[in-house]
Protein backbone atom coordinates (compact mmCIF):
# COMPACT_ATOMS: atom_id res chain seq x y z
CA MET A 1 0.43 0.03 0.05
CA GLY A 2 3.17 2.41 0.27
CA HIS A 3 3.41 2.81 3.57
CA GLU A 4 6.59 3.71 5.46
CA VAL A 5 7.90 3.65 8.97
CA GLY A 6 10.23 6.68 9.88
CA LEU A 7 11.57 8.07 12.68
CA HIS A 8 9.66 10.59 14.78
CA TYR A 9 12.43 12.29 16.91
CA ALA A 10 13.15 15.05 19.18
CA THR A 11 15.68 17.48 17.80
CA SER A 12 17.05 18.43 20.86
CA ASP A 13 18.20 14.53 21.48
CA TYR A 14 20.44 15.18 19.11
CA LEU A 15 21.61 18.52 19.64
CA GLY A 16 22.16 17.78 23.51
CA ARG A 17 24.18 13.98 23.13
CA GLU A 18 27.96 14.04 23.23
CA GLY A 19 29.62 13.71 20.15
CA ASP A 20 27.88 13.62 16.59
CA GLY A 21 24.47 14.02 16.61
CA LEU A 22 23.74 13.34 13.14
CA ALA A 23 25.67 10.08 13.71
CA CYS A 24 23.36 9.34 16.54
CA PHE A 25 20.13 10.41 14.45
CA LYS A 26 21.50 7.92 11.54
CA GLN A 27 22.30 4.49 13.97
CA ASP A 28 18.32 5.70 15.14
CA MET A 29 17.00 5.64 11.40
CA GLU A 30 18.98 2.08 11.02
CA ILE A 31 17.12 0.81 14.19
CA VAL A 32 14.09 1.99 12.94
CA GLY A 33 14.97 -0.19 9.52
CA ARG A 34 16.08 -3.14 11.18
CA ILE A 35 12.95 -3.58 13.62
CA THR A 36 10.92 -2.64 10.39
CA GLY A 37 12.82 -5.09 7.94
CA GLN A 38 12.94 -2.38 5.50
CA PRO A 39 15.15 0.95 5.32
CA ALA A 40 13.63 4.05 7.14
CA LEU A 41 13.55 6.79 4.73
CA SER A 42 11.55 9.67 6.28
CA ALA A 43 11.72 11.24 9.60
CA SER A 44 9.15 13.63 11.67
CA ALA A 45 10.42 16.02 14.28
CA HIS A 46 8.19 16.44 17.13
CA ASP A 47 8.31 20.54 17.18
CA ALA A 48 8.21 21.56 13.72
CA VAL A 49 9.44 24.95 14.53
CA ASN A 50 12.95 22.90 15.64
CA ALA A 51 13.17 20.91 12.84
CA GLY A 52 15.58 22.85 10.76
CA LEU A 53 18.24 23.18 13.71
CA LEU A 54 19.56 19.67 12.93
CA ASN A 55 20.41 19.18 9.14
CA ILE A 56 19.22 15.42 8.71
CA GLY A 57 18.97 16.31 4.91
CA PRO A 58 21.46 14.29 3.98
CA LEU A 59 20.17 11.34 5.74
CA VAL A 60 16.61 11.28 5.01
CA LYS A 61 15.07 10.93 1.74
CA PHE A 62 11.49 12.76 3.11
CA HIS A 63 10.83 14.74 5.95
CA ALA A 64 7.19 14.95 7.10
CA TYR A 65 7.46 18.68 6.88
CA ASP A 66 8.19 19.06 3.60
CA PRO A 67 6.36 21.37 1.00
CA GLN A 68 5.31 18.03 -0.92
CA PHE A 69 3.54 16.55 1.83
CA THR A 70 2.38 19.66 3.72
CA GLN A 71 1.06 21.47 0.57
CA THR A 72 -0.06 18.87 -1.42
CA ILE A 73 -2.02 16.63 1.08
CA PRO A 74 -3.15 16.80 4.59
CA TYR A 75 -0.95 16.22 7.10
CA VAL A 76 -2.89 14.29 10.09
CA SER A 77 -1.39 13.84 13.69
CA ASP A 78 -2.81 13.12 16.88
CA SER A 79 -0.28 15.53 18.64
CA ASN A 80 -1.15 15.77 22.29
CA GLN A 81 -3.73 13.10 22.04
CA ALA A 82 -5.99 15.66 19.83
CA TRP A 83 -6.62 15.84 16.03
CA ARG A 84 -6.46 18.86 14.65
CA GLN A 85 -7.64 20.17 11.23
CA TRP A 86 -9.00 16.53 10.08
CA HIS A 87 -9.40 12.73 11.55
CA PRO A 88 -7.91 10.25 9.66
CA LEU A 89 -11.41 8.18 9.55
CA ASP A 90 -12.67 10.93 7.57
CA LEU A 91 -10.38 11.20 5.02
CA ILE A 92 -10.20 7.56 4.47
CA GLN A 93 -14.13 7.68 3.78
CA GLU A 94 -13.53 10.26 1.14
CA HIS A 95 -10.67 7.88 -0.51
CA ARG A 96 -8.06 11.06 -0.01
CA SER A 97 -4.42 10.49 0.35
CA PHE A 98 -2.71 12.00 3.39
CA GLN A 99 0.06 12.05 5.69
CA VAL A 100 -0.40 10.68 9.22
CA LEU A 101 1.87 10.61 12.14
CA LEU A 102 0.58 8.78 15.19
CA HIS A 103 1.92 8.27 18.77
CA PRO A 104 1.16 5.09 19.92
CA LEU A 105 1.56 5.97 24.02
CA TRP A 106 -1.73 8.28 23.69
CA TRP A 107 -3.55 5.40 22.59
CA VAL A 108 -2.38 2.35 24.94
CA LEU A 109 -1.09 3.97 27.91
CA GLU A 110 -3.84 4.41 30.97
CA GLY A 111 -5.48 7.60 31.73
CA ARG A 112 -7.86 9.78 30.13
CA ASP A 113 -5.58 12.33 28.70
CA TRP A 114 -2.27 13.06 27.92
CA GLU A 115 -1.35 14.32 31.02
CA GLN A 116 -2.51 11.42 32.81
CA LYS A 117 -0.73 9.26 30.21
CA LEU A 118 2.01 10.72 31.05
CA GLN A 119 1.90 10.40 35.00
CA THR A 120 1.37 6.67 34.07
CA ILE A 121 4.94 6.93 32.18
CA GLU A 122 6.17 8.55 35.27
CA SER A 123 4.76 6.09 37.59
CA GLN A 124 5.95 3.09 35.65
CA ALA A 125 9.57 4.77 35.15
CA ASN A 126 9.49 5.48 39.15
CA ALA A 127 8.14 1.62 39.88
CA ARG A 128 11.08 0.27 37.60
CA TYR A 129 13.70 2.46 39.54
CA SER A 130 12.37 1.47 42.67
CA ALA A 131 12.75 -2.13 41.89
CA PHE A 132 16.40 -1.40 40.87
CA ILE A 133 16.91 0.49 44.16
CA GLU A 134 15.11 -2.46 46.14
CA SER A 135 17.96 -5.28 44.36
CA GLU A 136 20.75 -2.96 44.75
CA ILE A 137 20.22 -2.52 48.57
CA GLU A 138 19.78 -6.28 48.88
CA ARG A 139 23.05 -6.84 46.93
CA GLN A 140 24.96 -4.63 49.13
CA ARG A 141 23.55 -6.06 52.09
CA ARG A 142 24.34 -9.91 51.07
CA SER A 143 27.97 -8.08 50.35
CA ILE A 144 28.22 -6.87 53.45
CA GLN A 145 27.01 -9.62 55.15
CA ASN A 146 29.63 -11.90 53.26
CA ARG A 147 32.25 -9.60 53.45
CA ALA A 148 35.01 -12.08 55.29
CA GLN A 149 34.03 -14.70 52.66
CA LEU A 150 34.45 -12.43 49.50
CA ASP A 151 37.58 -10.66 51.46
CA GLY A 152 39.28 -14.13 51.34
CA ALA A 153 38.09 -15.09 48.03
CA PHE A 154 39.47 -11.98 46.63
CA GLN A 155 42.97 -12.40 48.49
CA HIS A 156 43.36 -16.01 47.35
CA ARG A 157 42.62 -15.05 43.78
CA GLN A 158 45.43 -12.48 44.13
CA GLU A 159 47.81 -14.86 45.68
CA ASP A 160 47.55 -17.47 42.96
CA THR A 161 47.99 -14.95 40.04
CA HIS A 162 51.19 -14.05 38.84
CA PRO A 163 52.57 -10.50 39.87
CA SER A 164 52.94 -9.62 35.93
CA GLN A 165 49.17 -10.73 35.23
CA ARG A 166 48.04 -8.54 38.13
CA ARG A 167 49.63 -5.15 36.87
CA SER A 168 49.21 -5.71 33.04
CA GLY A 169 45.64 -6.31 33.99
CA HIS A 170 45.01 -9.94 32.91
CA ILE A 171 43.03 -10.94 36.17
């Protein structure tokens, strides 16, 4: 049917990264391609106003905000869980071509509006972090309880290792 999955990105994610932001962008495009089984040719920035701050032109064939898409066919997006000028079902019923940008999180997360959905993400992240911290606390407790045994094993390994191996980092 001529559909393609492209990368929807936040310009600030690449401008704020250590190293080459364009290399990171290219890597993300390749990841999308591996996931979908076909090269990602298109991209769309989260914030159209900032889309030009990162020159991705050489890395994409199509950008969602290119005139060929925004001036010739309707651009439909569910940004902030709200349809703007058009609803995609209306355009489908009219047999019109259109470009659609969907944010799956708006449709699968718990919560009745975008604020509650973002709070769901926060709650899930906090729960994962809390679980990690609890496991780290337990690991530290076991380490402290078994300190003598662990120190003894380390000392034994040090004694069994030739001094030249210890200096060269082979242990």
